[in-house]
Amino acid sequence: MAPISARSGCNLLFNAIAENGGSDFRLHAKTVHIEAGTVLCNAGDRMRHAVFPVSCVLATVATLSDGSTLEVNVIGREAAHGLLAGVGSGEVAARVVALVGGTAERTPMRLVRNEFERSACVRAVMVRHFENMLFQMQQSAVCAARHSVEERLCRWLLTIRDRSASDTLRFTHEFAAGHLGANRSSVTLAAAALQKAGLIAYRRGALTICDR
């Protein structure tokens, strides 16, 4: 997994759209700060804006029929939330929450749809984005089905770390369990094993990756 730096102050997808015919994105974008833990939307909500993370990290979390939850995607400055809803029904299929607080570029959803319909170049960039997101969700599904809780925790931590550019992450075992689709005790055991191996250090809601 190639590290993704969050320190260059831009969203790669936003820039790709703006530089391939979507210049209006820069004109109408607004920089916003998103606090960690903020719920951007719930399943069935209608999106008013597309969100392009710059230094924040967002997770898409699905709720299963038994009420349990499972994270299906994590994005940083390489992607965006809301584009598919913008060119489709306008409704989102799952809850989106900020794992790591930070800044993002926000654009009106009507602009997303207009640019998608108007420009073949913009459309091509967005379609590639949709394909990448689908591939990542497929990987997450395979990981959830085939890997141990410890393996899934490692993947999750590195995914967030690469998108936040920070070795220190703040969350509880209960929070991690809800995103991994596991129970809290299994996450606690997995974290203890990683800490014993010297891979992480964990104290009072703050986890530091010592050796990736």
N, C-alpha and C. Protein backbone atom coordinates (compact mmCIF):
# COMPACT_ATOMS: atom_id res chain seq x y z
N MET A 1 0.85 -1.18 0.00
CA MET A 1 0.00 0.00 0.00
C MET A 1 0.89 1.24 0.00
N ALA A 2 0.81 2.04 -1.03
CA ALA A 2 1.66 3.23 -1.14
C ALA A 2 1.17 4.32 -0.22
N PRO A 3 2.06 4.92 0.55
CA PRO A 3 1.66 6.01 1.44
C PRO A 3 1.08 7.18 0.67
N ILE A 4 0.07 7.81 1.23
CA ILE A 4 -0.57 8.97 0.62
C ILE A 4 -0.37 10.15 1.56
N SER A 5 0.41 11.12 1.14
CA SER A 5 0.69 12.26 2.01
C SER A 5 -0.51 13.19 2.09
N ALA A 6 -0.83 13.65 3.29
CA ALA A 6 -1.94 14.59 3.47
C ALA A 6 -1.43 16.00 3.71
N ARG A 7 -0.16 16.25 3.43
CA ARG A 7 0.42 17.52 3.82
C ARG A 7 0.62 18.50 2.67
N SER A 8 0.22 18.16 1.49
CA SER A 8 0.49 19.06 0.37
C SER A 8 -0.60 20.11 0.19
N GLY A 9 -1.67 20.04 0.98
CA GLY A 9 -2.69 21.08 0.97
C GLY A 9 -3.63 21.07 -0.20
N CYS A 10 -3.87 19.91 -0.80
CA CYS A 10 -4.82 19.84 -1.92
C CYS A 10 -5.45 18.46 -1.96
N ASN A 11 -6.55 18.37 -2.69
CA ASN A 11 -7.18 17.09 -2.95
C ASN A 11 -6.87 16.71 -4.40
N LEU A 12 -6.32 15.53 -4.59
CA LEU A 12 -5.86 15.12 -5.91
C LEU A 12 -7.00 14.99 -6.91
N LEU A 13 -8.12 14.45 -6.46
CA LEU A 13 -9.27 14.30 -7.36
C LEU A 13 -9.85 15.65 -7.73
N PHE A 14 -9.97 16.54 -6.75
CA PHE A 14 -10.47 17.89 -7.00
C PHE A 14 -9.61 18.57 -8.06
N ASN A 15 -8.29 18.48 -7.92
CA ASN A 15 -7.38 19.08 -8.90
C ASN A 15 -7.53 18.45 -10.27
N ALA A 16 -7.68 17.13 -10.31
CA ALA A 16 -7.82 16.44 -11.60
C ALA A 16 -9.08 16.89 -12.33
N ILE A 17 -10.18 17.06 -11.59
CA ILE A 17 -11.43 17.53 -12.20
C ILE A 17 -11.26 18.96 -12.69
N ALA A 18 -10.69 19.82 -11.83
CA ALA A 18 -10.52 21.24 -12.19
C ALA A 18 -9.61 21.42 -13.40
N GLU A 19 -8.60 20.56 -13.52
CA GLU A 19 -7.63 20.69 -14.61
C GLU A 19 -8.06 19.98 -15.89
N ASN A 20 -9.18 19.26 -15.83
CA ASN A 20 -9.67 18.55 -17.01
C ASN A 20 -11.06 19.02 -17.42
N GLY A 21 -11.26 20.32 -17.34
CA GLY A 21 -12.51 20.90 -17.83
C GLY A 21 -13.46 21.37 -16.76
N GLY A 22 -13.18 21.05 -15.50
CA GLY A 22 -14.09 21.46 -14.43
C GLY A 22 -13.59 22.66 -13.66
N SER A 23 -13.21 23.71 -14.38
CA SER A 23 -12.63 24.90 -13.73
C SER A 23 -13.61 25.57 -12.77
N ASP A 24 -14.92 25.39 -12.99
CA ASP A 24 -15.91 25.99 -12.10
C ASP A 24 -15.82 25.41 -10.68
N PHE A 25 -15.22 24.24 -10.55
CA PHE A 25 -15.08 23.64 -9.22
C PHE A 25 -14.30 24.57 -8.29
N ARG A 26 -13.22 25.17 -8.83
CA ARG A 26 -12.42 26.07 -8.01
C ARG A 26 -13.19 27.36 -7.68
N LEU A 27 -14.00 27.82 -8.62
CA LEU A 27 -14.74 29.06 -8.41
C LEU A 27 -15.79 28.92 -7.31
N HIS A 28 -16.39 27.74 -7.21
CA HIS A 28 -17.51 27.56 -6.29
C HIS A 28 -17.16 26.74 -5.05
N ALA A 29 -15.92 26.31 -4.94
CA ALA A 29 -15.53 25.49 -3.79
C ALA A 29 -15.39 26.34 -2.53
N LYS A 30 -15.67 25.73 -1.41
CA LYS A 30 -15.50 26.39 -0.12
C LYS A 30 -14.68 25.48 0.78
N THR A 31 -13.64 26.03 1.40
CA THR A 31 -12.83 25.25 2.32
C THR A 31 -13.51 25.20 3.68
N VAL A 32 -13.70 23.98 4.20
CA VAL A 32 -14.38 23.81 5.49
C VAL A 32 -13.52 22.95 6.40
N HIS A 33 -13.73 23.10 7.70
CA HIS A 33 -13.05 22.25 8.68
C HIS A 33 -14.06 21.24 9.23
N ILE A 34 -13.66 19.98 9.27
CA ILE A 34 -14.53 18.91 9.76
C ILE A 34 -13.90 18.29 11.00
N GLU A 35 -14.63 18.30 12.10
CA GLU A 35 -14.12 17.73 13.35
C GLU A 35 -14.18 16.20 13.30
N ALA A 36 -13.22 15.56 13.96
CA ALA A 36 -13.25 14.10 14.08
C ALA A 36 -14.54 13.67 14.75
N GLY A 37 -15.16 12.61 14.23
CA GLY A 37 -16.41 12.12 14.78
C GLY A 37 -17.65 12.72 14.15
N THR A 38 -17.49 13.74 13.33
CA THR A 38 -18.64 14.37 12.67
C THR A 38 -19.30 13.39 11.70
N VAL A 39 -20.61 13.25 11.79
CA VAL A 39 -21.36 12.44 10.83
C VAL A 39 -21.80 13.35 9.69
N LEU A 40 -21.26 13.13 8.50
CA LEU A 40 -21.59 13.98 7.36
C LEU A 40 -22.96 13.67 6.80
N CYS A 41 -23.36 12.40 6.88
CA CYS A 41 -24.67 12.01 6.36
C CYS A 41 -25.01 10.62 6.87
N ASN A 42 -26.27 10.28 6.79
CA ASN A 42 -26.76 8.94 7.10
C ASN A 42 -27.40 8.34 5.86
N ALA A 43 -27.55 7.03 5.85
CA ALA A 43 -28.14 6.35 4.70
C ALA A 43 -29.51 6.95 4.37
N GLY A 44 -29.71 7.25 3.09
CA GLY A 44 -30.98 7.81 2.65
C GLY A 44 -31.02 9.32 2.61
N ASP A 45 -30.02 9.97 3.20
CA ASP A 45 -29.96 11.43 3.16
C ASP A 45 -29.70 11.92 1.74
N ARG A 46 -30.20 13.09 1.42
CA ARG A 46 -29.91 13.72 0.14
C ARG A 46 -28.74 14.67 0.33
N MET A 47 -27.73 14.52 -0.52
CA MET A 47 -26.52 15.32 -0.40
C MET A 47 -26.69 16.68 -1.07
N ARG A 48 -26.24 17.71 -0.38
CA ARG A 48 -26.26 19.06 -0.96
C ARG A 48 -24.89 19.46 -1.48
N HIS A 49 -23.84 18.79 -0.98
CA HIS A 49 -22.48 19.12 -1.38
C HIS A 49 -21.65 17.84 -1.56
N ALA A 50 -20.68 17.92 -2.45
CA ALA A 50 -19.64 16.89 -2.53
C ALA A 50 -18.48 17.35 -1.66
N VAL A 51 -17.83 16.42 -0.98
CA VAL A 51 -16.76 16.76 -0.04
C VAL A 51 -15.46 16.11 -0.50
N PHE A 52 -14.44 16.95 -0.70
CA PHE A 52 -13.12 16.50 -1.14
C PHE A 52 -12.14 16.67 0.03
N PRO A 53 -11.80 15.61 0.75
CA PRO A 53 -10.89 15.75 1.89
C PRO A 53 -9.52 16.29 1.49
N VAL A 54 -8.99 17.16 2.31
CA VAL A 54 -7.62 17.65 2.14
C VAL A 54 -6.74 17.07 3.25
N SER A 55 -7.09 17.36 4.49
CA SER A 55 -6.34 16.77 5.60
C SER A 55 -7.20 15.90 6.51
N CYS A 56 -8.51 15.87 6.27
CA CYS A 56 -9.37 14.98 7.05
C CYS A 56 -9.43 13.60 6.40
N VAL A 57 -9.95 12.64 7.13
CA VAL A 57 -10.12 11.27 6.63
C VAL A 57 -11.56 10.85 6.91
N LEU A 58 -12.25 10.37 5.88
CA LEU A 58 -13.66 10.00 5.99
C LEU A 58 -13.86 8.51 5.81
N ALA A 59 -14.82 7.96 6.53
CA ALA A 59 -15.15 6.53 6.41
C ALA A 59 -16.62 6.36 6.06
N THR A 60 -16.90 5.42 5.18
CA THR A 60 -18.27 5.03 4.85
C THR A 60 -18.60 3.78 5.66
N VAL A 61 -19.68 3.84 6.43
CA VAL A 61 -20.03 2.75 7.34
C VAL A 61 -21.43 2.25 7.03
N ALA A 62 -21.54 0.96 6.73
CA ALA A 62 -22.83 0.35 6.43
C ALA A 62 -23.43 -0.25 7.70
N THR A 63 -24.75 -0.17 7.82
CA THR A 63 -25.46 -0.79 8.93
C THR A 63 -26.17 -2.03 8.41
N LEU A 64 -25.89 -3.18 9.03
CA LEU A 64 -26.45 -4.45 8.60
C LEU A 64 -27.84 -4.66 9.20
N SER A 65 -28.53 -5.70 8.73
CA SER A 65 -29.91 -5.93 9.15
C SER A 65 -30.05 -6.20 10.65
N ASP A 66 -28.98 -6.72 11.27
CA ASP A 66 -29.04 -6.99 12.71
C ASP A 66 -28.61 -5.80 13.56
N GLY A 67 -28.36 -4.66 12.90
CA GLY A 67 -27.97 -3.45 13.61
C GLY A 67 -26.48 -3.26 13.77
N SER A 68 -25.70 -4.27 13.44
CA SER A 68 -24.24 -4.14 13.53
C SER A 68 -23.73 -3.27 12.38
N THR A 69 -22.52 -2.78 12.53
CA THR A 69 -21.95 -1.88 11.52
C THR A 69 -20.65 -2.45 10.96
N LEU A 70 -20.31 -2.00 9.75
CA LEU A 70 -19.09 -2.44 9.09
C LEU A 70 -18.61 -1.34 8.15
N GLU A 71 -17.38 -0.95 8.31
CA GLU A 71 -16.80 0.06 7.43
C GLU A 71 -16.52 -0.54 6.07
N VAL A 72 -16.91 0.15 5.00
CA VAL A 72 -16.71 -0.37 3.65
C VAL A 72 -15.71 0.43 2.84
N ASN A 73 -15.33 1.61 3.35
CA ASN A 73 -14.40 2.43 2.59
C ASN A 73 -13.82 3.53 3.47
N VAL A 74 -12.56 3.88 3.21
CA VAL A 74 -11.89 5.00 3.87
C VAL A 74 -11.25 5.85 2.79
N ILE A 75 -11.46 7.17 2.84
CA ILE A 75 -10.86 8.04 1.84
C ILE A 75 -10.14 9.22 2.49
N GLY A 76 -9.16 9.72 1.76
CA GLY A 76 -8.45 10.94 2.15
C GLY A 76 -8.38 11.85 0.95
N ARG A 77 -7.23 12.48 0.76
CA ARG A 77 -7.09 13.49 -0.28
C ARG A 77 -7.02 12.92 -1.69
N GLU A 78 -7.13 11.61 -1.84
CA GLU A 78 -7.12 11.01 -3.17
C GLU A 78 -8.51 10.84 -3.75
N ALA A 79 -9.55 11.16 -2.97
CA ALA A 79 -10.90 10.82 -3.39
C ALA A 79 -11.90 11.88 -2.91
N ALA A 80 -13.19 11.55 -3.00
CA ALA A 80 -14.24 12.48 -2.58
C ALA A 80 -15.46 11.70 -2.13
N HIS A 81 -16.27 12.34 -1.31
CA HIS A 81 -17.54 11.76 -0.90
C HIS A 81 -18.68 12.53 -1.56
N GLY A 82 -19.65 11.80 -2.11
CA GLY A 82 -20.86 12.42 -2.63
C GLY A 82 -20.95 12.52 -4.13
N LEU A 83 -19.87 12.20 -4.85
CA LEU A 83 -19.92 12.35 -6.31
C LEU A 83 -20.94 11.41 -6.95
N LEU A 84 -20.96 10.16 -6.50
CA LEU A 84 -21.89 9.20 -7.10
C LEU A 84 -23.34 9.62 -6.85
N ALA A 85 -23.62 10.07 -5.63
CA ALA A 85 -24.97 10.56 -5.35
C ALA A 85 -25.29 11.78 -6.20
N GLY A 86 -24.27 12.60 -6.46
CA GLY A 86 -24.46 13.81 -7.25
C GLY A 86 -24.87 13.55 -8.68
N VAL A 87 -24.36 12.47 -9.26
CA VAL A 87 -24.70 12.18 -10.66
C VAL A 87 -25.79 11.11 -10.75
N GLY A 88 -26.24 10.61 -9.59
CA GLY A 88 -27.27 9.59 -9.57
C GLY A 88 -28.55 10.08 -8.93
N SER A 89 -29.01 9.34 -7.92
CA SER A 89 -30.31 9.64 -7.29
C SER A 89 -30.26 10.84 -6.36
N GLY A 90 -29.05 11.21 -5.94
CA GLY A 90 -28.92 12.29 -4.97
C GLY A 90 -28.90 11.81 -3.54
N GLU A 91 -29.23 10.53 -3.32
CA GLU A 91 -29.25 9.95 -1.98
C GLU A 91 -28.00 9.11 -1.73
N VAL A 92 -27.53 9.12 -0.49
CA VAL A 92 -26.37 8.30 -0.13
C VAL A 92 -26.84 6.97 0.43
N ALA A 93 -26.00 5.94 0.27
CA ALA A 93 -26.40 4.59 0.65
C ALA A 93 -25.97 4.20 2.05
N ALA A 94 -25.07 4.98 2.66
CA ALA A 94 -24.55 4.61 3.97
C ALA A 94 -24.11 5.84 4.74
N ARG A 95 -23.85 5.65 6.02
CA ARG A 95 -23.38 6.74 6.88
C ARG A 95 -21.93 7.06 6.56
N VAL A 96 -21.58 8.34 6.61
CA VAL A 96 -20.20 8.78 6.42
C VAL A 96 -19.78 9.58 7.64
N VAL A 97 -18.65 9.20 8.23
CA VAL A 97 -18.17 9.84 9.45
C VAL A 97 -16.70 10.22 9.29
N ALA A 98 -16.29 11.28 9.94
CA ALA A 98 -14.89 11.71 9.90
C ALA A 98 -14.07 10.92 10.92
N LEU A 99 -13.12 10.13 10.43
CA LEU A 99 -12.22 9.39 11.32
C LEU A 99 -11.16 10.32 11.90
N VAL A 100 -10.67 11.22 11.05
CA VAL A 100 -9.65 12.19 11.44
C VAL A 100 -10.14 13.57 11.04
N GLY A 101 -10.08 14.51 11.96
CA GLY A 101 -10.52 15.86 11.65
C GLY A 101 -9.53 16.59 10.77
N GLY A 102 -10.02 17.59 10.05
CA GLY A 102 -9.15 18.37 9.18
C GLY A 102 -9.97 19.17 8.18
N THR A 103 -9.32 19.64 7.14
CA THR A 103 -9.98 20.47 6.15
C THR A 103 -10.45 19.67 4.94
N ALA A 104 -11.38 20.27 4.20
CA ALA A 104 -11.90 19.67 2.97
C ALA A 104 -12.40 20.79 2.07
N GLU A 105 -12.47 20.49 0.78
CA GLU A 105 -13.11 21.38 -0.18
C GLU A 105 -14.53 20.89 -0.40
N ARG A 106 -15.49 21.81 -0.38
CA ARG A 106 -16.89 21.45 -0.55
C ARG A 106 -17.45 22.15 -1.76
N THR A 107 -18.13 21.41 -2.64
CA THR A 107 -18.72 21.99 -3.84
C THR A 107 -20.21 21.64 -3.90
N PRO A 108 -21.04 22.54 -4.44
CA PRO A 108 -22.48 22.27 -4.54
C PRO A 108 -22.75 21.05 -5.41
N MET A 109 -23.73 20.25 -5.01
CA MET A 109 -24.05 19.03 -5.75
C MET A 109 -24.56 19.33 -7.15
N ARG A 110 -25.26 20.45 -7.33
CA ARG A 110 -25.74 20.79 -8.67
C ARG A 110 -24.58 21.01 -9.63
N LEU A 111 -23.46 21.53 -9.11
CA LEU A 111 -22.28 21.73 -9.94
C LEU A 111 -21.68 20.40 -10.36
N VAL A 112 -21.67 19.43 -9.44
CA VAL A 112 -21.16 18.10 -9.76
C VAL A 112 -21.94 17.51 -10.92
N ARG A 113 -23.27 17.56 -10.84
CA ARG A 113 -24.10 17.00 -11.90
C ARG A 113 -23.93 17.76 -13.22
N ASN A 114 -23.90 19.08 -13.14
CA ASN A 114 -23.75 19.89 -14.35
C ASN A 114 -22.44 19.60 -15.07
N GLU A 115 -21.34 19.55 -14.32
CA GLU A 115 -20.03 19.31 -14.92
C GLU A 115 -19.92 17.89 -15.46
N PHE A 116 -20.53 16.93 -14.77
CA PHE A 116 -20.52 15.54 -15.23
C PHE A 116 -21.24 15.42 -16.57
N GLU A 117 -22.35 16.11 -16.71
CA GLU A 117 -23.14 16.04 -17.95
C GLU A 117 -22.53 16.88 -19.06
N ARG A 118 -21.85 17.96 -18.71
CA ARG A 118 -21.34 18.90 -19.71
C ARG A 118 -20.02 18.47 -20.32
N SER A 119 -19.11 17.94 -19.52
CA SER A 119 -17.74 17.71 -19.97
C SER A 119 -17.38 16.23 -20.01
N ALA A 120 -16.96 15.75 -21.18
CA ALA A 120 -16.53 14.35 -21.31
C ALA A 120 -15.27 14.09 -20.49
N CYS A 121 -14.40 15.08 -20.39
CA CYS A 121 -13.15 14.92 -19.62
C CYS A 121 -13.45 14.79 -18.13
N VAL A 122 -14.32 15.66 -17.64
CA VAL A 122 -14.72 15.58 -16.23
C VAL A 122 -15.40 14.25 -15.96
N ARG A 123 -16.26 13.84 -16.88
CA ARG A 123 -16.96 12.57 -16.73
C ARG A 123 -15.98 11.40 -16.65
N ALA A 124 -14.95 11.43 -17.47
CA ALA A 124 -13.95 10.35 -17.47
C ALA A 124 -13.20 10.29 -16.14
N VAL A 125 -12.86 11.46 -15.59
CA VAL A 125 -12.16 11.51 -14.30
C VAL A 125 -13.05 10.94 -13.20
N MET A 126 -14.32 11.33 -13.20
CA MET A 126 -15.23 10.84 -12.16
C MET A 126 -15.47 9.34 -12.29
N VAL A 127 -15.60 8.85 -13.51
CA VAL A 127 -15.83 7.41 -13.70
C VAL A 127 -14.63 6.61 -13.20
N ARG A 128 -13.42 7.10 -13.44
CA ARG A 128 -12.23 6.42 -12.91
C ARG A 128 -12.27 6.41 -11.38
N HIS A 129 -12.73 7.51 -10.81
CA HIS A 129 -12.88 7.57 -9.35
C HIS A 129 -13.88 6.53 -8.86
N PHE A 130 -15.03 6.42 -9.53
CA PHE A 130 -16.03 5.43 -9.14
C PHE A 130 -15.45 4.02 -9.22
N GLU A 131 -14.68 3.74 -10.26
CA GLU A 131 -14.07 2.42 -10.43
C GLU A 131 -13.09 2.13 -9.29
N ASN A 132 -12.30 3.13 -8.92
CA ASN A 132 -11.35 2.96 -7.82
C ASN A 132 -12.07 2.69 -6.50
N MET A 133 -13.16 3.42 -6.26
CA MET A 133 -13.91 3.23 -5.03
C MET A 133 -14.54 1.84 -4.98
N LEU A 134 -15.04 1.37 -6.12
CA LEU A 134 -15.63 0.03 -6.18
C LEU A 134 -14.58 -1.03 -5.88
N PHE A 135 -13.39 -0.86 -6.44
CA PHE A 135 -12.30 -1.81 -6.19
C PHE A 135 -11.93 -1.83 -4.71
N GLN A 136 -11.86 -0.66 -4.08
CA GLN A 136 -11.51 -0.60 -2.66
C GLN A 136 -12.59 -1.27 -1.80
N MET A 137 -13.85 -1.07 -2.16
CA MET A 137 -14.92 -1.70 -1.39
C MET A 137 -14.90 -3.22 -1.57
N GLN A 138 -14.54 -3.69 -2.76
CA GLN A 138 -14.40 -5.13 -2.97
C GLN A 138 -13.27 -5.70 -2.12
N GLN A 139 -12.16 -4.97 -2.04
CA GLN A 139 -11.06 -5.39 -1.19
C GLN A 139 -11.48 -5.46 0.27
N SER A 140 -12.23 -4.46 0.71
CA SER A 140 -12.70 -4.43 2.10
C SER A 140 -13.60 -5.62 2.40
N ALA A 141 -14.46 -5.97 1.44
CA ALA A 141 -15.37 -7.11 1.62
C ALA A 141 -14.59 -8.41 1.75
N VAL A 142 -13.59 -8.58 0.90
CA VAL A 142 -12.75 -9.79 0.95
C VAL A 142 -11.99 -9.85 2.27
N CYS A 143 -11.45 -8.71 2.69
CA CYS A 143 -10.71 -8.63 3.94
C CYS A 143 -11.60 -9.00 5.13
N ALA A 144 -12.82 -8.49 5.15
CA ALA A 144 -13.74 -8.77 6.25
C ALA A 144 -14.12 -10.24 6.30
N ALA A 145 -14.18 -10.88 5.13
CA ALA A 145 -14.61 -12.27 5.06
C ALA A 145 -13.48 -13.26 5.32
N ARG A 146 -12.24 -12.90 4.97
CA ARG A 146 -11.16 -13.87 4.96
C ARG A 146 -10.08 -13.64 6.01
N HIS A 147 -9.95 -12.43 6.51
CA HIS A 147 -8.83 -12.12 7.39
C HIS A 147 -9.23 -12.11 8.86
N SER A 148 -8.25 -12.33 9.72
CA SER A 148 -8.49 -12.30 11.16
C SER A 148 -8.70 -10.86 11.62
N VAL A 149 -9.21 -10.69 12.84
CA VAL A 149 -9.40 -9.35 13.39
C VAL A 149 -8.07 -8.62 13.47
N GLU A 150 -7.01 -9.32 13.85
CA GLU A 150 -5.70 -8.69 13.93
C GLU A 150 -5.23 -8.18 12.57
N GLU A 151 -5.43 -8.98 11.53
CA GLU A 151 -5.04 -8.57 10.18
C GLU A 151 -5.88 -7.38 9.71
N ARG A 152 -7.17 -7.44 10.00
CA ARG A 152 -8.06 -6.34 9.60
C ARG A 152 -7.72 -5.06 10.33
N LEU A 153 -7.35 -5.18 11.61
CA LEU A 153 -6.96 -4.01 12.39
C LEU A 153 -5.69 -3.39 11.81
N CYS A 154 -4.73 -4.22 11.43
CA CYS A 154 -3.49 -3.70 10.82
C CYS A 154 -3.79 -2.93 9.54
N ARG A 155 -4.62 -3.51 8.70
CA ARG A 155 -4.96 -2.85 7.43
C ARG A 155 -5.67 -1.53 7.69
N TRP A 156 -6.58 -1.54 8.63
CA TRP A 156 -7.36 -0.34 8.96
C TRP A 156 -6.45 0.77 9.47
N LEU A 157 -5.56 0.43 10.39
CA LEU A 157 -4.65 1.43 10.96
C LEU A 157 -3.75 2.04 9.89
N LEU A 158 -3.21 1.20 9.01
CA LEU A 158 -2.31 1.71 7.97
C LEU A 158 -3.07 2.54 6.94
N THR A 159 -4.30 2.15 6.65
CA THR A 159 -5.12 2.93 5.72
C THR A 159 -5.35 4.34 6.25
N ILE A 160 -5.69 4.44 7.53
CA ILE A 160 -5.92 5.76 8.13
C ILE A 160 -4.62 6.53 8.23
N ARG A 161 -3.55 5.84 8.65
CA ARG A 161 -2.27 6.51 8.81
C ARG A 161 -1.78 7.12 7.50
N ASP A 162 -1.91 6.37 6.40
CA ASP A 162 -1.43 6.86 5.11
C ASP A 162 -2.23 8.06 4.63
N ARG A 163 -3.48 8.16 5.03
CA ARG A 163 -4.31 9.27 4.59
C ARG A 163 -4.29 10.46 5.54
N SER A 164 -3.81 10.25 6.74
CA SER A 164 -3.72 11.35 7.70
C SER A 164 -2.30 11.87 7.87
N ALA A 165 -1.31 11.09 7.39
CA ALA A 165 0.11 11.44 7.52
C ALA A 165 0.52 11.62 8.98
N SER A 166 -0.11 10.85 9.86
CA SER A 166 0.24 10.91 11.28
C SER A 166 0.34 9.49 11.83
N ASP A 167 1.38 9.23 12.61
CA ASP A 167 1.54 7.92 13.22
C ASP A 167 0.68 7.75 14.46
N THR A 168 0.10 8.83 14.96
CA THR A 168 -0.74 8.76 16.15
C THR A 168 -2.20 8.96 15.78
N LEU A 169 -3.03 7.99 16.14
CA LEU A 169 -4.45 8.00 15.82
C LEU A 169 -5.24 7.96 17.11
N ARG A 170 -6.40 8.62 17.14
CA ARG A 170 -7.18 8.71 18.37
C ARG A 170 -8.56 8.07 18.19
N PHE A 171 -8.78 6.98 18.91
CA PHE A 171 -10.07 6.33 18.91
C PHE A 171 -10.08 5.28 20.02
N THR A 172 -11.26 4.79 20.36
CA THR A 172 -11.40 3.75 21.37
C THR A 172 -11.51 2.39 20.70
N HIS A 173 -11.32 1.33 21.49
CA HIS A 173 -11.48 -0.02 20.96
C HIS A 173 -12.91 -0.24 20.47
N GLU A 174 -13.87 0.34 21.20
CA GLU A 174 -15.27 0.21 20.80
C GLU A 174 -15.52 0.85 19.44
N PHE A 175 -14.92 2.01 19.22
CA PHE A 175 -15.06 2.70 17.94
C PHE A 175 -14.45 1.85 16.82
N ALA A 176 -13.26 1.31 17.04
CA ALA A 176 -12.60 0.47 16.04
C ALA A 176 -13.43 -0.77 15.74
N ALA A 177 -14.01 -1.37 16.78
CA ALA A 177 -14.82 -2.57 16.60
C ALA A 177 -16.01 -2.30 15.69
N GLY A 178 -16.65 -1.14 15.87
CA GLY A 178 -17.80 -0.79 15.04
C GLY A 178 -17.44 -0.63 13.58
N HIS A 179 -16.22 -0.21 13.31
CA HIS A 179 -15.79 -0.03 11.93
C HIS A 179 -15.28 -1.32 11.31
N LEU A 180 -14.75 -2.21 12.14
CA LEU A 180 -14.20 -3.47 11.64
C LEU A 180 -15.25 -4.58 11.57
N GLY A 181 -16.44 -4.32 12.11
CA GLY A 181 -17.46 -5.36 12.14
C GLY A 181 -17.10 -6.48 13.10
N ALA A 182 -16.41 -6.13 14.20
CA ALA A 182 -15.96 -7.11 15.18
C ALA A 182 -16.48 -6.69 16.56
N ASN A 183 -16.35 -7.60 17.55
CA ASN A 183 -16.72 -7.20 18.90
C ASN A 183 -15.53 -6.55 19.60
N ARG A 184 -15.84 -5.79 20.63
CA ARG A 184 -14.80 -4.99 21.29
C ARG A 184 -13.70 -5.86 21.87
N SER A 185 -14.06 -6.99 22.48
CA SER A 185 -13.06 -7.84 23.12
C SER A 185 -12.04 -8.37 22.12
N SER A 186 -12.49 -8.71 20.91
CA SER A 186 -11.56 -9.23 19.91
C SER A 186 -10.61 -8.14 19.42
N VAL A 187 -11.10 -6.91 19.34
CA VAL A 187 -10.23 -5.80 18.96
C VAL A 187 -9.22 -5.52 20.06
N THR A 188 -9.66 -5.60 21.32
CA THR A 188 -8.74 -5.39 22.45
C THR A 188 -7.63 -6.43 22.44
N LEU A 189 -7.97 -7.69 22.18
CA LEU A 189 -6.97 -8.75 22.12
C LEU A 189 -6.01 -8.54 20.95
N ALA A 190 -6.55 -8.12 19.81
CA ALA A 190 -5.70 -7.88 18.63
C ALA A 190 -4.75 -6.73 18.88
N ALA A 191 -5.25 -5.65 19.49
CA ALA A 191 -4.40 -4.49 19.79
C ALA A 191 -3.32 -4.86 20.80
N ALA A 192 -3.67 -5.70 21.78
CA ALA A 192 -2.69 -6.13 22.78
C ALA A 192 -1.58 -6.95 22.13
N ALA A 193 -1.94 -7.80 21.16
CA ALA A 193 -0.94 -8.61 20.47
C ALA A 193 0.00 -7.73 19.65
N LEU A 194 -0.55 -6.71 18.99
CA LEU A 194 0.28 -5.80 18.21
C LEU A 194 1.20 -4.98 19.11
N GLN A 195 0.67 -4.58 20.27
CA GLN A 195 1.50 -3.81 21.20
C GLN A 195 2.62 -4.67 21.78
N LYS A 196 2.32 -5.92 22.09
CA LYS A 196 3.33 -6.83 22.62
C LYS A 196 4.44 -7.07 21.61
N ALA A 197 4.08 -7.06 20.32
CA ALA A 197 5.06 -7.27 19.26
C ALA A 197 5.86 -6.00 18.95
N GLY A 198 5.50 -4.89 19.60
CA GLY A 198 6.22 -3.64 19.38
C GLY A 198 5.79 -2.89 18.14
N LEU A 199 4.64 -3.27 17.57
CA LEU A 199 4.18 -2.63 16.34
C LEU A 199 3.38 -1.36 16.63
N ILE A 200 2.69 -1.33 17.76
CA ILE A 200 1.93 -0.15 18.15
C ILE A 200 2.13 0.12 19.64
N ALA A 201 1.81 1.33 20.04
CA ALA A 201 1.74 1.68 21.46
C ALA A 201 0.39 2.32 21.69
N TYR A 202 -0.32 1.88 22.71
CA TYR A 202 -1.69 2.35 22.93
C TYR A 202 -1.85 2.83 24.36
N ARG A 203 -2.41 4.05 24.51
CA ARG A 203 -2.64 4.59 25.84
C ARG A 203 -3.75 5.64 25.80
N ARG A 204 -4.78 5.42 26.61
CA ARG A 204 -5.85 6.40 26.82
C ARG A 204 -6.43 6.96 25.52
N GLY A 205 -6.85 6.09 24.64
CA GLY A 205 -7.51 6.52 23.42
C GLY A 205 -6.61 6.99 22.31
N ALA A 206 -5.29 6.95 22.54
CA ALA A 206 -4.34 7.36 21.50
C ALA A 206 -3.46 6.17 21.13
N LEU A 207 -3.44 5.83 19.87
CA LEU A 207 -2.64 4.71 19.38
C LEU A 207 -1.55 5.24 18.46
N THR A 208 -0.32 4.80 18.70
CA THR A 208 0.81 5.22 17.87
C THR A 208 1.37 4.02 17.12
N ILE A 209 1.52 4.16 15.82
CA ILE A 209 2.12 3.10 15.01
C ILE A 209 3.63 3.24 15.12
N CYS A 210 4.27 2.22 15.68
CA CYS A 210 5.72 2.27 15.92
C CYS A 210 6.51 1.63 14.79
N ASP A 211 5.93 0.64 14.13
CA ASP A 211 6.64 -0.08 13.07
C ASP A 211 5.62 -0.58 12.06
N ARG A 212 5.58 0.04 10.91
CA ARG A 212 4.61 -0.36 9.89
C ARG A 212 5.11 -1.54 9.07
